Amino acid sequence: MTLTASIQLAASTATFLLAATCAKSWAMGPSTFKLVLTIVLYSVGNLIMLRLVREFGMASAFSLSAVIQLIAVNLIALVYFGEKLTLIQSFGILCAILAVGLITFGSATE
């Protein structure tokens, strides 16, 4: 992965994390500003992802982004917002991380 691609992946991840945080904030206290900000952030994140799709292909770009976001969004939900997961939910998230990791890194071994 090139430095430029790494920067784009980091930028899209940060943008999606901000968007998810704004979405949760809107859910806790709806306002037009929070809704518009959430939509703008998700749109910017997707525009950045389009560049990554062009460089790596859809499967690789979205899989890599998904596993990074899955981990980061759950950390934000658990640490910042104080959400709790049941044992089954925790196991499901672990399985999802493993699945996306296998899809992403499996293509690199071929």
Protein backbone atom coordinates (compact mmCIF):
# COMPACT_ATOMS: atom_id res chain seq x y z
CA MET A 1 0.00 0.00 0.00
CA THR A 2 1.39 3.37 -1.00
CA LEU A 3 1.76 6.28 1.42
CA THR A 4 -0.95 8.16 -0.46
CA ALA A 5 -3.37 5.23 -0.15
CA SER A 6 -2.58 4.90 3.56
CA ILE A 7 -3.31 8.58 4.08
CA GLN A 8 -6.57 8.28 2.14
CA LEU A 9 -7.60 5.23 4.18
CA ALA A 10 -6.80 7.07 7.42
CA ALA A 11 -8.73 10.13 6.23
CA SER A 12 -11.79 8.13 5.24
CA THR A 13 -11.71 6.18 8.51
CA ALA A 14 -11.43 9.36 10.57
CA THR A 15 -14.25 10.94 8.57
CA PHE A 16 -16.51 7.89 9.02
CA LEU A 17 -15.73 7.79 12.75
CA LEU A 18 -16.66 11.46 13.10
CA ALA A 19 -19.84 10.78 11.13
CA ALA A 20 -20.75 7.82 13.36
CA THR A 21 -20.11 9.91 16.47
CA CYS A 22 -22.32 12.69 15.08
CA ALA A 23 -25.02 10.15 14.26
CA LYS A 24 -24.98 8.84 17.83
CA SER A 25 -25.02 12.41 19.14
CA TRP A 26 -28.01 13.15 16.91
CA ALA A 27 -29.78 10.02 18.20
CA MET A 28 -29.29 11.22 21.78
CA GLY A 29 -30.42 14.78 21.03
CA PRO A 30 -31.75 15.39 17.52
CA SER A 31 -31.06 18.69 15.79
CA THR A 32 -30.92 19.82 12.18
CA PHE A 33 -27.26 20.82 12.51
CA LYS A 34 -26.23 17.36 13.75
CA LEU A 35 -28.21 15.69 10.98
CA VAL A 36 -26.68 17.85 8.23
CA LEU A 37 -23.18 17.42 9.68
CA THR A 38 -23.65 13.64 9.79
CA ILE A 39 -24.79 13.54 6.15
CA VAL A 40 -21.90 15.76 5.01
CA LEU A 41 -19.32 13.67 6.87
CA TYR A 42 -20.64 10.38 5.45
CA SER A 43 -20.64 11.93 1.96
CA VAL A 44 -17.03 13.12 2.30
CA GLY A 45 -15.97 9.69 3.60
CA ASN A 46 -17.58 7.99 0.60
CA LEU A 47 -15.92 10.39 -1.84
CA ILE A 48 -12.53 9.49 -0.35
CA MET A 49 -13.43 5.80 -0.59
CA LEU A 50 -14.10 6.21 -4.33
CA ARG A 51 -10.42 7.01 -4.84
CA LEU A 52 -9.42 3.91 -2.87
CA VAL A 53 -11.82 1.75 -4.89
CA ARG A 54 -10.18 2.99 -8.08
CA GLU A 55 -6.72 2.13 -6.74
CA PHE A 56 -7.39 -1.22 -5.00
CA GLY A 57 -10.71 -2.45 -6.32
CA MET A 58 -14.01 -2.55 -4.52
CA ALA A 59 -13.54 -5.78 -2.56
CA SER A 60 -10.18 -4.86 -1.06
CA ALA A 61 -10.90 -1.19 -0.38
CA PHE A 62 -14.25 -1.71 1.32
CA SER A 63 -13.16 -4.82 3.22
CA LEU A 64 -10.10 -3.11 4.65
CA SER A 65 -12.11 -0.02 5.52
CA ALA A 66 -14.85 -2.15 7.08
CA VAL A 67 -12.56 -4.02 9.46
CA ILE A 68 -10.83 -0.83 10.60
CA GLN A 69 -14.16 0.94 11.10
CA LEU A 70 -15.70 -2.07 12.86
CA ILE A 71 -12.99 -2.03 15.48
CA ALA A 72 -12.83 1.75 15.84
CA VAL A 73 -16.60 2.36 15.97
CA ASN A 74 -17.01 -0.29 18.64
CA LEU A 75 -14.22 1.27 20.70
CA ILE A 76 -15.93 4.66 20.47
CA ALA A 77 -19.33 3.16 21.36
CA LEU A 78 -17.93 1.27 24.34
CA VAL A 79 -15.41 3.79 25.69
CA TYR A 80 -16.87 7.19 24.81
CA PHE A 81 -20.61 6.47 24.89
CA GLY A 82 -20.47 3.78 27.58
CA GLU A 83 -22.45 1.21 25.61
CA LYS A 84 -22.40 -2.40 26.79
CA LEU A 85 -22.33 -5.60 24.75
CA THR A 86 -23.61 -8.99 25.74
CA LEU A 87 -21.32 -12.00 25.45
CA ILE A 88 -23.10 -13.10 22.26
CA GLN A 89 -22.77 -9.61 20.74
CA SER A 90 -19.06 -9.52 21.63
CA PHE A 91 -18.56 -12.92 20.02
CA GLY A 92 -20.43 -11.74 16.90
CA ILE A 93 -18.20 -8.68 16.57
CA LEU A 94 -15.10 -10.85 16.99
CA CYS A 95 -16.38 -13.21 14.27
CA ALA A 96 -17.08 -10.24 11.98
CA ILE A 97 -13.57 -8.89 12.48
CA LEU A 98 -12.08 -12.30 11.74
CA ALA A 99 -14.29 -12.75 8.67
CA VAL A 100 -13.43 -9.39 7.14
CA GLY A 101 -9.76 -9.91 8.03
CA LEU A 102 -9.76 -13.28 6.24
CA ILE A 103 -11.42 -11.76 3.18
CA THR A 104 -9.02 -8.83 3.09
CA PHE A 105 -5.79 -10.64 3.77
CA GLY A 106 -6.77 -13.84 1.98
CA SER A 107 -6.53 -12.11 -1.37
CA ALA A 108 -2.96 -11.07 -0.58
CA THR A 109 -1.85 -14.69 -0.28
CA GLU A 110 -2.93 -15.68 -3.80
